[in-house]
């Protein structure tokens, strides 16, 4: 996903807020694969290594658990409280969150 896609999902899509992240989602009305983007700001951590680790963990948890529906775009905006979680807890929170979308 590029910046234009992120902006479209955030402006035209729906969103749900959870304790550790907010998920924006938009149905593209086609039969292509789902796409995901993760926003981890510098407010989360000033270290790029930490931000990238969180981004990778979220994408991997979504991929392994097949949480995304076809033809949807998802943008996950991470909140600072996520830094206290380990991978297993992030995965559990994402599974729970995607049930409500």
Protein backbone atom coordinates (compact mmCIF):
# COMPACT_ATOMS: atom_id res chain seq x y z
CA UNK A 1 0.00 0.00 0.00
CA UNK A 2 1.21 3.50 -0.75
CA UNK A 3 0.42 6.82 0.94
CA UNK A 4 -2.55 7.47 -1.35
CA UNK A 5 -4.08 4.11 -0.39
CA UNK A 6 -3.54 4.86 3.31
CA UNK A 7 -5.28 8.23 2.92
CA UNK A 8 -8.24 6.70 1.07
CA UNK A 9 -8.77 4.01 3.73
CA UNK A 10 -8.51 6.54 6.54
CA UNK A 11 -10.85 9.10 4.93
CA UNK A 12 -13.47 6.87 3.29
CA UNK A 13 -13.35 3.70 5.38
CA UNK A 14 -14.75 2.70 8.74
CA UNK A 15 -12.74 2.30 11.91
CA UNK A 16 -12.83 0.54 15.25
CA UNK A 17 -10.76 1.53 18.27
CA UNK A 18 -9.20 -1.00 20.62
CA UNK A 19 -6.90 -0.62 23.66
CA UNK A 20 -3.65 -1.15 21.73
CA UNK A 21 -4.50 0.01 18.20
CA UNK A 22 -7.13 1.43 15.88
CA UNK A 23 -8.11 -0.48 12.75
CA UNK A 24 -9.37 1.39 9.69
CA UNK A 25 -10.88 -0.75 6.96
CA UNK A 26 -12.42 -0.24 3.53
CA UNK A 27 -14.08 -2.67 1.12
CA UNK A 28 -12.60 -2.15 -2.37
CA UNK A 29 -15.49 -4.02 -4.04
CA UNK A 30 -13.21 -6.25 -6.09
CA UNK A 31 -12.01 -9.82 -5.67
CA UNK A 32 -8.32 -9.09 -5.15
CA UNK A 33 -6.32 -10.08 -2.10
CA UNK A 34 -6.62 -8.02 1.06
CA UNK A 35 -3.91 -5.48 1.82
CA UNK A 36 -2.62 -4.26 5.16
CA UNK A 37 -0.66 -1.23 6.28
CA UNK A 38 0.65 -0.56 9.77
CA UNK A 39 1.41 2.88 11.17
CA UNK A 40 3.85 2.98 14.08
CA UNK A 41 4.73 6.59 14.86
CA UNK A 42 7.81 7.95 16.57
CA UNK A 43 5.64 8.53 19.63
CA UNK A 44 5.73 4.75 20.11
CA UNK A 45 9.53 4.60 20.06
CA UNK A 46 12.27 6.83 18.75
CA UNK A 47 14.18 3.73 17.67
CA UNK A 48 13.40 2.51 14.16
CA UNK A 49 14.35 -1.02 15.18
CA UNK A 50 11.57 -1.12 17.76
CA UNK A 51 8.99 0.40 15.41
CA UNK A 52 9.86 -2.07 12.65
CA UNK A 53 9.70 -5.01 15.06
CA UNK A 54 6.18 -4.03 16.11
CA UNK A 55 5.18 -3.59 12.45
CA UNK A 56 6.57 -7.02 11.53
CA UNK A 57 4.89 -8.71 14.49
CA UNK A 58 1.50 -7.26 13.58
CA UNK A 59 1.77 -8.20 9.91
CA UNK A 60 2.92 -11.73 10.77
CA UNK A 61 0.12 -12.28 13.31
CA UNK A 62 -2.47 -11.17 10.74
CA UNK A 63 -0.92 -13.34 8.00
CA UNK A 64 -0.56 -16.52 10.08
CA UNK A 65 -4.08 -16.33 11.50
CA UNK A 66 -5.65 -15.36 8.15
CA UNK A 67 -7.60 -12.53 9.77
CA UNK A 68 -8.15 -10.41 6.65
CA UNK A 69 -11.11 -10.76 4.29
CA UNK A 70 -10.64 -10.61 0.53
CA UNK A 71 -11.05 -7.24 -1.20
CA UNK A 72 -10.50 -5.22 1.99
CA UNK A 73 -7.78 -2.71 2.80
CA UNK A 74 -6.74 -2.42 6.44
CA UNK A 75 -4.70 0.27 8.16
CA UNK A 76 -3.67 -0.48 11.74
CA UNK A 77 -2.59 2.54 13.78
CA UNK A 78 -0.62 1.46 16.81
CA UNK A 79 -0.98 3.08 20.25
CA UNK A 80 1.94 3.54 22.68
CA UNK A 81 0.59 0.95 25.12
CA UNK A 82 1.50 -1.86 22.68
CA UNK A 83 5.17 -1.66 23.65
CA UNK A 84 4.35 -3.53 26.88
CA UNK A 85 3.02 -6.58 25.00
CA UNK A 86 4.90 -9.63 23.78
CA UNK A 87 4.15 -11.30 20.44
CA UNK A 88 1.65 -13.79 21.87
CA UNK A 89 -0.41 -11.05 23.46
CA UNK A 90 -0.31 -8.90 20.28
CA UNK A 91 -1.55 -11.90 18.31
CA UNK A 92 -4.40 -12.51 20.80
CA UNK A 93 -5.43 -8.84 20.75
CA UNK A 94 -5.50 -8.81 16.93
CA UNK A 95 -7.61 -11.99 16.78
CA UNK A 96 -10.06 -10.45 19.21
CA UNK A 97 -10.15 -7.16 17.32
CA UNK A 98 -10.76 -8.70 13.89
CA UNK A 99 -13.80 -10.56 15.26
CA UNK A 100 -15.52 -7.18 15.74
CA UNK A 101 -14.89 -5.82 12.23
